[in-house]
C-alpha atoms as a PDB file:
ATOM      1  CA  UNK A   1      95.796  76.132 121.702  1.00  0.00           C
ATOM      2  CA  UNK A   2      94.347  79.608 122.320  1.00  0.00           C
ATOM      3  CA  UNK A   3      93.449  81.644 119.240  1.00  0.00           C
ATOM      4  CA  UNK A   4      95.621  84.936 119.502  1.00  0.00           C
ATOM      5  CA  UNK A   5      92.708  86.827 117.789  1.00  0.00           C
ATOM      6  CA  UNK A   6      90.418  86.122 120.823  1.00  0.00           C
ATOM      7  CA  UNK A   7      92.603  88.261 123.065  1.00  0.00           C
ATOM      8  CA  UNK A   8      93.574  90.948 120.414  1.00  0.00           C
ATOM      9  CA  UNK A   9      94.691  94.174 121.982  1.00  0.00           C
ATOM     10  CA  UNK A  10      92.919  96.986 120.048  1.00  0.00           C
ATOM     11  CA  UNK A  11      95.911  99.288 120.780  1.00  0.00           C
ATOM     12  CA  UNK A  12      98.138  97.017 118.738  1.00  0.00           C
ATOM     13  CA  UNK A  13      95.735  96.978 115.809  1.00  0.00           C
ATOM     14  CA  UNK A  14      95.407 100.803 115.982  1.00  0.00           C
ATOM     15  CA  UNK A  15      99.086 101.171 115.762  1.00  0.00           C
ATOM     16  CA  UNK A  16      99.209  98.779 112.870  1.00  0.00           C
ATOM     17  CA  UNK A  17      96.608 100.793 111.008  1.00  0.00           C
ATOM     18  CA  UNK A  18      98.443 104.061 111.727  1.00  0.00           C
ATOM     19  CA  UNK A  19     101.649 102.809 110.394  1.00  0.00           C
ATOM     20  CA  UNK A  20     100.093 101.224 107.356  1.00  0.00           C
ATOM     21  CA  UNK A  21      98.199 104.371 106.522  1.00  0.00           C
ATOM     22  CA  UNK A  22     101.074 106.787 106.990  1.00  0.00           C
ATOM     23  CA  UNK A  23     103.921 104.605 105.850  1.00  0.00           C
ATOM     24  CA  UNK A  24     106.277 105.253 108.717  1.00  0.00           C
ATOM     25  CA  UNK A  25     106.652 104.956 112.457  1.00  0.00           C
ATOM     26  CA  UNK A  26     107.412 108.658 112.929  1.00  0.00           C
ATOM     27  CA  UNK A  27     104.263 109.746 111.024  1.00  0.00           C
ATOM     28  CA  UNK A  28     102.087 107.242 112.896  1.00  0.00           C
ATOM     29  CA  UNK A  29     103.485 108.456 116.168  1.00  0.00           C
ATOM     30  CA  UNK A  30     102.498 112.040 115.344  1.00  0.00           C
ATOM     31  CA  UNK A  31      99.030 110.935 114.308  1.00  0.00           C
ATOM     32  CA  UNK A  32      98.411 108.940 117.460  1.00  0.00           C
ATOM     33  CA  UNK A  33     100.316 111.191 119.899  1.00  0.00           C
ATOM     34  CA  UNK A  34     102.664 108.394 120.859  1.00  0.00           C
ATOM     35  CA  UNK A  35     106.428 107.926 120.758  1.00  0.00           C
ATOM     36  CA  UNK A  36     108.132 106.273 117.775  1.00  0.00           C
ATOM     37  CA  UNK A  37     109.626 103.484 119.943  1.00  0.00           C
ATOM     38  CA  UNK A  38     106.225 102.743 121.430  1.00  0.00           C
ATOM     39  CA  UNK A  39     104.817 102.352 118.039  1.00  0.00           C
ATOM     40  CA  UNK A  40     107.689 100.063 116.888  1.00  0.00           C
ATOM     41  CA  UNK A  41     107.140  97.904 119.966  1.00  0.00           C
ATOM     42  CA  UNK A  42     103.438  97.601 119.425  1.00  0.00           C
ATOM     43  CA  UNK A  43     103.830  96.624 115.760  1.00  0.00           C
ATOM     44  CA  UNK A  44     106.360  94.040 116.707  1.00  0.00           C
ATOM     45  CA  UNK A  45     104.100  92.739 119.525  1.00  0.00           C
ATOM     46  CA  UNK A  46     101.252  92.272 116.988  1.00  0.00           C
ATOM     47  CA  UNK A  47     103.539  90.459 114.558  1.00  0.00           C
ATOM     48  CA  UNK A  48     104.635  88.151 117.307  1.00  0.00           C
ATOM     49  CA  UNK A  49     101.078  87.513 118.480  1.00  0.00           C
ATOM     50  CA  UNK A  50      99.933  86.632 114.891  1.00  0.00           C
ATOM     51  CA  UNK A  51     103.171  84.871 113.864  1.00  0.00           C
ATOM     52  CA  UNK A  52     103.478  86.797 110.679  1.00  0.00           C
ATOM     53  CA  UNK A  53     105.480  89.603 109.288  1.00  0.00           C
ATOM     54  CA  UNK A  54     103.249  92.722 108.658  1.00  0.00           C
ATOM     55  CA  UNK A  55     105.777  95.121 107.119  1.00  0.00           C
ATOM     56  CA  UNK A  56     108.846  95.254 104.968  1.00  0.00           C
ATOM     57  CA  UNK A  57     111.327  97.565 106.617  1.00  0.00           C
ATOM     58  CA  UNK A  58     112.965  99.962 104.107  1.00  0.00           C
ATOM     59  CA  UNK A  59     115.254 103.007 104.592  1.00  0.00           C
ATOM     60  CA  UNK A  60     112.403 105.438 103.639  1.00  0.00           C
ATOM     61  CA  UNK A  61     109.678 103.710 105.694  1.00  0.00           C
ATOM     62  CA  UNK A  62     107.591 100.656 106.038  1.00  0.00           C
ATOM     63  CA  UNK A  63     105.530  98.852 103.285  1.00  0.00           C
ATOM     64  CA  UNK A  64     102.872  96.295 104.037  1.00  0.00           C
ATOM     65  CA  UNK A  65     103.669  92.695 103.311  1.00  0.00           C
ATOM     66  CA  UNK A  66     101.010  90.572 101.399  1.00  0.00           C
ATOM     67  CA  UNK A  67      99.766  89.296 104.788  1.00  0.00           C
ATOM     68  CA  UNK A  68      99.702  92.863 106.172  1.00  0.00           C
ATOM     69  CA  UNK A  69      97.651  94.104 103.156  1.00  0.00           C
ATOM     70  CA  UNK A  70      95.247  91.170 103.508  1.00  0.00           C
ATOM     71  CA  UNK A  71      94.564  92.056 107.231  1.00  0.00           C
ATOM     72  CA  UNK A  72      93.716  95.759 106.364  1.00  0.00           C
ATOM     73  CA  UNK A  73      90.069  95.334 105.756  1.00  0.00           C
ATOM     74  CA  UNK A  74      89.496  93.461 109.091  1.00  0.00           C
ATOM     75  CA  UNK A  75      91.589  95.967 111.010  1.00  0.00           C
ATOM     76  CA  UNK A  76      89.652  98.844 109.457  1.00  0.00           C
ATOM     77  CA  UNK A  77      86.449  97.122 110.415  1.00  0.00           C
ATOM     78  CA  UNK A  78      87.711  96.747 113.911  1.00  0.00           C
ATOM     79  CA  UNK A  79      88.504 100.492 114.139  1.00  0.00           C
ATOM     80  CA  UNK A  80      84.915 101.352 112.869  1.00  0.00           C
ATOM     81  CA  UNK A  81      83.420  99.042 115.470  1.00  0.00           C
ATOM     82  CA  UNK A  82      85.607 100.520 118.217  1.00  0.00           C
ATOM     83  CA  UNK A  83      84.503 104.015 117.115  1.00  0.00           C
ATOM     84  CA  UNK A  84      80.890 103.082 117.133  1.00  0.00           C
ATOM     85  CA  UNK A  85      81.242 101.673 120.680  1.00  0.00           C
ATOM     86  CA  UNK A  86      82.793 104.970 121.912  1.00  0.00           C
ATOM     87  CA  UNK A  87      80.050 107.005 120.161  1.00  0.00           C
ATOM     88  CA  UNK A  88      77.216 104.883 121.569  1.00  0.00           C
ATOM     89  CA  UNK A  89      78.574 105.128 125.064  1.00  0.00           C
ATOM     90  CA  UNK A  90      79.301 108.897 124.868  1.00  0.00           C
ATOM     91  CA  UNK A  91      75.909 109.457 123.387  1.00  0.00           C
ATOM     92  CA  UNK A  92      74.182 107.962 126.540  1.00  0.00           C
ATOM     93  CA  UNK A  93      75.658 110.607 128.865  1.00  0.00           C
ATOM     94  CA  UNK A  94      72.917 112.836 130.347  1.00  0.00           C
ATOM     95  CA  UNK A  95      75.216 115.246 132.013  1.00  0.00           C
ATOM     96  CA  UNK A  96      75.810 118.778 130.843  1.00  0.00           C
ATOM     97  CA  UNK A  97      79.284 118.664 132.379  1.00  0.00           C
ATOM     98  CA  UNK A  98      82.135 117.223 130.296  1.00  0.00           C
ATOM     99  CA  UNK A  99      84.318 117.853 127.249  1.00  0.00           C
ATOM    100  CA  UNK A 100      83.207 118.930 123.748  1.00  0.00           C
ATOM    101  CA  UNK A 101      85.734 118.825 120.967  1.00  0.00           C
ATOM    102  CA  UNK A 102      85.199 121.273 118.162  1.00  0.00           C
ATOM    103  CA  UNK A 103      86.980 121.475 114.851  1.00  0.00           C
ATOM    104  CA  UNK A 104      86.931 124.374 112.383  1.00  0.00           C
ATOM    105  CA  UNK A 105      89.209 125.767 109.718  1.00  0.00           C
ATOM    106  CA  UNK A 106      92.311 127.625 110.946  1.00  0.00           C
ATOM    107  CA  UNK A 107      90.951 130.910 109.720  1.00  0.00           C
ATOM    108  CA  UNK A 108      87.624 130.478 111.468  1.00  0.00           C
ATOM    109  CA  UNK A 109      89.198 129.193 114.624  1.00  0.00           C
ATOM    110  CA  UNK A 110      91.582 132.261 114.646  1.00  0.00           C
ATOM    111  CA  UNK A 111      89.293 135.110 113.595  1.00  0.00           C
ATOM    112  CA  UNK A 112      85.721 134.121 114.563  1.00  0.00           C
ATOM    113  CA  UNK A 113      85.375 131.394 117.146  1.00  0.00           C
ATOM    114  CA  UNK A 114      87.336 132.781 120.227  1.00  0.00           C
ATOM    115  CA  UNK A 115      84.592 135.372 121.273  1.00  0.00           C
ATOM    116  CA  UNK A 116      81.901 132.705 120.566  1.00  0.00           C
ATOM    117  CA  UNK A 117      83.727 130.178 122.786  1.00  0.00           C
ATOM    118  CA  UNK A 118      84.030 132.881 125.476  1.00  0.00           C
ATOM    119  CA  UNK A 119      80.301 133.318 125.528  1.00  0.00           C
ATOM    120  CA  UNK A 120      79.791 129.510 125.802  1.00  0.00           C
ATOM    121  CA  UNK A 121      82.302 129.285 128.823  1.00  0.00           C
ATOM    122  CA  UNK A 122      80.708 132.268 130.541  1.00  0.00           C
ATOM    123  CA  UNK A 123      77.317 130.669 130.526  1.00  0.00           C
ATOM    124  CA  UNK A 124      78.445 127.001 131.009  1.00  0.00           C
ATOM    125  CA  UNK A 125      81.707 126.926 132.990  1.00  0.00           C
ATOM    126  CA  UNK A 126      81.130 123.249 133.660  1.00  0.00           C
ATOM    127  CA  UNK A 127      81.687 122.398 129.911  1.00  0.00           C
ATOM    128  CA  UNK A 128      85.277 121.931 128.782  1.00  0.00           C
ATOM    129  CA  UNK A 129      85.952 122.975 125.187  1.00  0.00           C
ATOM    130  CA  UNK A 130      88.718 121.658 122.996  1.00  0.00           C
ATOM    131  CA  UNK A 131      89.328 123.535 119.774  1.00  0.00           C
ATOM    132  CA  UNK A 132      91.017 121.841 116.810  1.00  0.00           C
ATOM    133  CA  UNK A 133      92.057 124.321 114.140  1.00  0.00           C
ATOM    134  CA  UNK A 134      92.344 122.258 111.016  1.00  0.00           C
ATOM    135  CA  UNK A 135      91.947 122.611 107.256  1.00  0.00           C
ATOM    136  CA  UNK A 136      91.455 118.880 106.887  1.00  0.00           C
ATOM    137  CA  UNK A 137      88.336 117.053 107.658  1.00  0.00           C
ATOM    138  CA  UNK A 138      88.396 115.695 111.111  1.00  0.00           C
ATOM    139  CA  UNK A 139      86.478 112.323 111.404  1.00  0.00           C
ATOM    140  CA  UNK A 140      83.380 112.564 113.521  1.00  0.00           C
ATOM    141  CA  UNK A 141      82.897 108.889 113.568  1.00  0.00           C
ATOM    142  CA  UNK A 142      86.148 108.185 115.416  1.00  0.00           C
ATOM    143  CA  UNK A 143      85.639 111.057 117.910  1.00  0.00           C
ATOM    144  CA  UNK A 144      88.412 113.137 116.455  1.00  0.00           C
ATOM    145  CA  UNK A 145      85.786 115.950 116.988  1.00  0.00           C
ATOM    146  CA  UNK A 146      82.269 116.101 118.458  1.00  0.00           C
ATOM    147  CA  UNK A 147      81.218 119.058 116.332  1.00  0.00           C
ATOM    148  CA  UNK A 148      82.657 120.350 113.056  1.00  0.00           C
ATOM    149  CA  UNK A 149      82.195 123.690 111.598  1.00  0.00           C
ATOM    150  CA  UNK A 150      82.682 123.348 107.878  1.00  0.00           C
ATOM    151  CA  UNK A 151      82.664 125.683 104.845  1.00  0.00           C
ATOM    152  CA  UNK A 152      80.848 123.092 102.653  1.00  0.00           C
ATOM    153  CA  UNK A 153      77.959 120.729 103.074  1.00  0.00           C
ATOM    154  CA  UNK A 154      79.196 117.408 104.641  1.00  0.00           C
ATOM    155  CA  UNK A 155      78.186 114.245 102.798  1.00  0.00           C
ATOM    156  CA  UNK A 156      79.474 111.733 105.445  1.00  0.00           C
ATOM    157  CA  UNK A 157      76.773 109.168 106.376  1.00  0.00           C
ATOM    158  CA  UNK A 158      75.331 109.155 109.965  1.00  0.00           C
ATOM    159  CA  UNK A 159      75.880 112.835 110.510  1.00  0.00           C
ATOM    160  CA  UNK A 160      73.410 115.664 111.221  1.00  0.00           C
ATOM    161  CA  UNK A 161      73.996 119.065 109.683  1.00  0.00           C
ATOM    162  CA  UNK A 162      72.669 122.609 109.914  1.00  0.00           C
ATOM    163  CA  UNK A 163      73.215 125.341 107.389  1.00  0.00           C
ATOM    164  CA  UNK A 164      73.980 128.432 109.478  1.00  0.00           C
ATOM    165  CA  UNK A 165      74.255 130.869 106.536  1.00  0.00           C
ATOM    166  CA  UNK A 166      76.696 132.060 103.973  1.00  0.00           C
ATOM    167  CA  UNK A 167      79.929 134.062 104.527  1.00  0.00           C
ATOM    168  CA  UNK A 168      80.246 136.823 101.936  1.00  0.00           C
ATOM    169  CA  UNK A 169      83.667 137.458 100.310  1.00  0.00           C
ATOM    170  CA  UNK A 170      85.244 140.749  99.264  1.00  0.00           C
ATOM    171  CA  UNK A 171      88.396 142.108  97.508  1.00  0.00           C
ATOM    172  CA  UNK A 172      90.744 143.944  99.953  1.00  0.00           C
ATOM    173  CA  UNK A 173      94.046 145.666  99.885  1.00  0.00           C
ATOM    174  CA  UNK A 174      96.082 147.109 102.692  1.00  0.00           C
ATOM    175  CA  UNK A 175      96.007 150.824 103.301  1.00  0.00           C
ATOM    176  CA  UNK A 176      99.789 150.740 102.993  1.00  0.00           C
ATOM    177  CA  UNK A 177      99.501 149.114  99.456  1.00  0.00           C
ATOM    178  CA  UNK A 178      96.865 151.539  98.357  1.00  0.00           C
ATOM    179  CA  UNK A 179      98.999 154.515  99.484  1.00  0.00           C
ATOM    180  CA  UNK A 180     101.455 153.421  96.753  1.00  0.00           C
ATOM    181  CA  UNK A 181      99.042 152.029  94.046  1.00  0.00           C
ATOM    182  CA  UNK A 182      95.721 153.463  92.807  1.00  0.00           C
ATOM    183  CA  UNK A 183      92.744 151.239  93.710  1.00  0.00           C
ATOM    184  CA  UNK A 184      91.464 149.222  90.719  1.00  0.00           C
ATOM    185  CA  UNK A 185      88.197 150.326  89.229  1.00  0.00           C
ATOM    186  CA  UNK A 186      87.278 147.218  87.300  1.00  0.00           C
ATOM    187  CA  UNK A 187      88.027 143.547  87.626  1.00  0.00           C
ATOM    188  CA  UNK A 188      90.333 143.894  84.603  1.00  0.00           C
ATOM    189  CA  UNK A 189      92.356 146.532  86.536  1.00  0.00           C
ATOM    190  CA  UNK A 190      93.319 143.931  89.074  1.00  0.00           C
ATOM    191  CA  UNK A 191      95.521 142.240  86.566  1.00  0.00           C
ATOM    192  CA  UNK A 192      97.740 145.416  86.583  1.00  0.00           C
ATOM    193  CA  UNK A 193      98.352 145.002  90.291  1.00  0.00           C
ATOM    194  CA  UNK A 194     100.263 142.542  92.430  1.00  0.00           C
ATOM    195  CA  UNK A 195      97.732 139.775  93.262  1.00  0.00           C
ATOM    196  CA  UNK A 196      97.786 137.436  96.112  1.00  0.00           C
ATOM    197  CA  UNK A 197      96.622 133.912  95.203  1.00  0.00           C
ATOM    198  CA  UNK A 198      96.537 130.326  96.158  1.00  0.00           C
ATOM    199  CA  UNK A 199      99.293 127.886  95.376  1.00  0.00           C
ATOM    200  CA  UNK A 200      97.676 124.533  94.629  1.00  0.00           C
ATOM    201  CA  UNK A 201      94.044 125.479  95.351  1.00  0.00           C
ATOM    202  CA  UNK A 202      92.464 126.810  92.116  1.00  0.00           C
ATOM    203  CA  UNK A 203      89.386 128.409  93.545  1.00  0.00           C
ATOM    204  CA  UNK A 204      90.627 132.092  92.927  1.00  0.00           C
ATOM    205  CA  UNK A 205      91.501 131.157  89.312  1.00  0.00           C
ATOM    206  CA  UNK A 206      88.037 129.710  88.769  1.00  0.00           C
ATOM    207  CA  UNK A 207      86.627 132.938  90.347  1.00  0.00           C
ATOM    208  CA  UNK A 208      88.449 135.100  87.874  1.00  0.00           C
ATOM    209  CA  UNK A 209      87.170 132.822  85.012  1.00  0.00           C
ATOM    210  CA  UNK A 210      83.571 133.741  86.054  1.00  0.00           C
ATOM    211  CA  UNK A 211      84.452 137.317  85.154  1.00  0.00           C
ATOM    212  CA  UNK A 212      85.903 136.325  81.806  1.00  0.00           C
ATOM    213  CA  UNK A 213      89.474 136.648  83.028  1.00  0.00           C
ATOM    214  CA  UNK A 214      91.670 133.658  82.214  1.00  0.00           C
ATOM    215  CA  UNK A 215      94.881 133.385  84.179  1.00  0.00           C
ATOM    216  CA  UNK A 216      97.114 130.788  85.875  1.00  0.00           C
ATOM    217  CA  UNK A 217      98.996 130.638  89.214  1.00  0.00           C
ATOM    218  CA  UNK A 218     101.795 132.635  87.735  1.00  0.00           C
ATOM    219  CA  UNK A 219      99.517 135.677  87.611  1.00  0.00           C
ATOM    220  CA  UNK A 220      99.769 135.856  91.454  1.00  0.00           C
ATOM    221  CA  UNK A 221     102.923 137.553  92.706  1.00  0.00           C
ATOM    222  CA  UNK A 222     102.692 135.701  95.927  1.00  0.00           C
ATOM    223  CA  UNK A 223     100.825 132.359  96.646  1.00  0.00           C
ATOM    224  CA  UNK A 224      99.711 130.682  99.832  1.00  0.00           C
ATOM    225  CA  UNK A 225      96.977 128.012 100.483  1.00  0.00           C
ATOM    226  CA  UNK A 226      96.775 128.559 104.229  1.00  0.00           C
ATOM    227  CA  UNK A 227      93.950 131.204 104.617  1.00  0.00           C
ATOM    228  CA  UNK A 228      95.119 132.716 107.919  1.00  0.00           C
ATOM    229  CA  UNK A 229      98.632 133.368 106.623  1.00  0.00           C
ATOM    230  CA  UNK A 230      96.986 134.419 103.242  1.00  0.00           C
ATOM    231  CA  UNK A 231      95.069 137.186 105.092  1.00  0.00           C
ATOM    232  CA  UNK A 232      98.150 138.415 106.776  1.00  0.00           C
ATOM    233  CA  UNK A 233      99.868 138.765 103.437  1.00  0.00           C
ATOM    234  CA  UNK A 234      96.981 141.000 102.410  1.00  0.00           C
ATOM    235  CA  UNK A 235      97.155 142.983 105.626  1.00  0.00           C
ATOM    236  CA  UNK A 236     100.962 143.518 105.174  1.00  0.00           C
ATOM    237  CA  UNK A 237     100.545 145.110 101.780  1.00  0.00           C
ATOM    238  CA  UNK A 238     101.786 142.331  99.622  1.00  0.00           C
ATOM    239  CA  UNK A 239      99.068 142.973  97.096  1.00  0.00           C
ATOM    240  CA  UNK A 240      95.294 142.742  96.446  1.00  0.00           C
ATOM    241  CA  UNK A 241      93.595 139.643  97.708  1.00  0.00           C
ATOM    242  CA  UNK A 242      90.247 138.187  98.979  1.00  0.00           C
ATOM    243  CA  UNK A 243      88.866 137.621 102.387  1.00  0.00           C
ATOM    244  CA  UNK A 244      85.686 137.185 104.326  1.00  0.00           C
ATOM    245  CA  UNK A 245      83.735 140.450 104.094  1.00  0.00           C
ATOM    246  CA  UNK A 246      82.880 140.885 107.768  1.00  0.00           C
ATOM    247  CA  UNK A 247      86.514 140.287 108.824  1.00  0.00           C
ATOM    248  CA  UNK A 248      87.821 142.668 106.250  1.00  0.00           C
ATOM    249  CA  UNK A 249      85.386 145.436 106.884  1.00  0.00           C
ATOM    250  CA  UNK A 250      86.277 145.449 110.681  1.00  0.00           C
ATOM    251  CA  UNK A 251      90.025 145.456 110.018  1.00  0.00           C
ATOM    252  CA  UNK A 252      91.559 148.975 110.051  1.00  0.00           C
ATOM    253  CA  UNK A 253      94.673 147.717 108.122  1.00  0.00           C
ATOM    254  CA  UNK A 254      92.785 146.960 104.944  1.00  0.00           C
ATOM    255  CA  UNK A 255      90.155 148.614 102.698  1.00  0.00           C
ATOM    256  CA  UNK A 256      87.603 146.966 100.480  1.00  0.00           C
ATOM    257  CA  UNK A 257      87.962 147.628  96.718  1.00  0.00           C
ATOM    258  CA  UNK A 258      85.586 146.739  93.897  1.00  0.00           C
ATOM    259  CA  UNK A 259      82.724 146.368  96.373  1.00  0.00           C
ATOM    260  CA  UNK A 260      80.312 145.964  93.369  1.00  0.00           C
ATOM    261  CA  UNK A 261      81.935 142.599  92.409  1.00  0.00           C
ATOM    262  CA  UNK A 262      79.483 139.814  92.913  1.00  0.00           C
ATOM    263  CA  UNK A 263      81.720 137.145  94.491  1.00  0.00           C
ATOM    264  CA  UNK A 264      80.836 133.608  95.516  1.00  0.00           C
ATOM    265  CA  UNK A 265      79.905 132.953  99.113  1.00  0.00           C
ATOM    266  CA  UNK A 266      81.178 130.365 101.582  1.00  0.00           C
ATOM    267  CA  UNK A 267      78.271 128.140 103.024  1.00  0.00           C
ATOM    268  CA  UNK A 268      78.807 127.498 106.830  1.00  0.00           C
ATOM    269  CA  UNK A 269      77.525 124.187 108.179  1.00  0.00           C
ATOM    270  CA  UNK A 270      77.519 122.665 111.739  1.00  0.00           C
ATOM    271  CA  UNK A 271      77.958 118.895 111.760  1.00  0.00           C
ATOM    272  CA  UNK A 272      77.845 116.297 114.414  1.00  0.00           C
ATOM    273  CA  UNK A 273      77.546 112.445 114.480  1.00  0.00           C
ATOM    274  CA  UNK A 274      73.801 111.650 114.889  1.00  0.00           C
ATOM    275  CA  UNK A 275      74.530 109.468 118.000  1.00  0.00           C
ATOM    276  CA  UNK A 276      76.145 112.393 119.672  1.00  0.00           C
ATOM    277  CA  UNK A 277      73.903 115.296 118.645  1.00  0.00           C
ATOM    278  CA  UNK A 278      71.397 114.713 121.499  1.00  0.00           C
ATOM    279  CA  UNK A 279      74.083 114.418 124.242  1.00  0.00           C
ATOM    280  CA  UNK A 280      73.132 117.410 126.451  1.00  0.00           C
ATOM    281  CA  UNK A 281      76.519 119.071 126.571  1.00  0.00           C
ATOM    282  CA  UNK A 282      77.008 118.681 122.801  1.00  0.00           C
ATOM    283  CA  UNK A 283      73.493 119.839 121.995  1.00  0.00           C
ATOM    284  CA  UNK A 284      74.068 122.906 124.110  1.00  0.00           C
ATOM    285  CA  UNK A 285      77.366 123.797 122.533  1.00  0.00           C
ATOM    286  CA  UNK A 286      75.786 123.091 119.058  1.00  0.00           C
ATOM    287  CA  UNK A 287      72.979 125.633 119.842  1.00  0.00           C
ATOM    288  CA  UNK A 288      75.292 128.262 121.168  1.00  0.00           C
ATOM    289  CA  UNK A 289      77.661 127.984 118.282  1.00  0.00           C
ATOM    290  CA  UNK A 290      74.650 128.459 115.910  1.00  0.00           C
ATOM    291  CA  UNK A 291      73.642 131.513 118.003  1.00  0.00           C
ATOM    292  CA  UNK A 292      77.132 132.931 118.130  1.00  0.00           C
ATOM    293  CA  UNK A 293      77.869 132.393 114.415  1.00  0.00           C
ATOM    294  CA  UNK A 294      74.701 134.237 113.418  1.00  0.00           C
ATOM    295  CA  UNK A 295      76.338 137.528 114.163  1.00  0.00           C
ATOM    296  CA  UNK A 296      78.981 136.756 111.494  1.00  0.00           C
ATOM    297  CA  UNK A 297      76.517 135.631 108.787  1.00  0.00           C
ATOM    298  CA  UNK A 298      73.760 137.440 106.944  1.00  0.00           C
END
């Protein structure tokens, strides 16, 4: 009798992993870019092939059975092997032509990267660029991105990194806000103003602590963790907030206040998987990203 594992379809295992890790068919479908019925059929096909039940169906989602949980390590190892195969094959390409997938934070993708990408396309129209604005860490191993632009030093194994510089931060308020409220003269003065802060992220709270100011999230009149929306709240006059210095200084809607405050910086790193770094098109985009970002960093 043939062993069903000898003819295992990776697509079925991939669907199993996505459902197991997200807990529902709908979430797994969004993750894989497939339809929910397709995911359901693939999970059922895998169960039929193995002769076991992998999930308990419940009103709020799917939960792994004991057998399904026992299969997870092997399935994850299979995903890692499939990713390594794709990386090795792609890394052998000697052509400059092809697709390069880049990921960066939503803020950087919105405010900084478009003109940099335009320069790349003008000089290399044979390269196709895919930009993934995301504030989560895209996985370079599984080709979710070829190059990542991070605001922290990556620690993932098997990646190469380059520190491009540090983005300075500043305190800003909209001209419309400052027309109604006198600009703060000291860090303590900021507490008398409407402040724009983060919701769950505590970086701004920790920053105030460095100046001896203790506060909690309720000190912020308005809160948002998404940096692009956060900056629009500053521009709209919702209160005083923080932003990348170069962006703020070139925005006529806002004015820098408390310029003497010594704020932390955001380190900017380029990252790629080591097996892809020497692929000609990826190496070229890497070099031009580094060149283009230099204009935004001291």
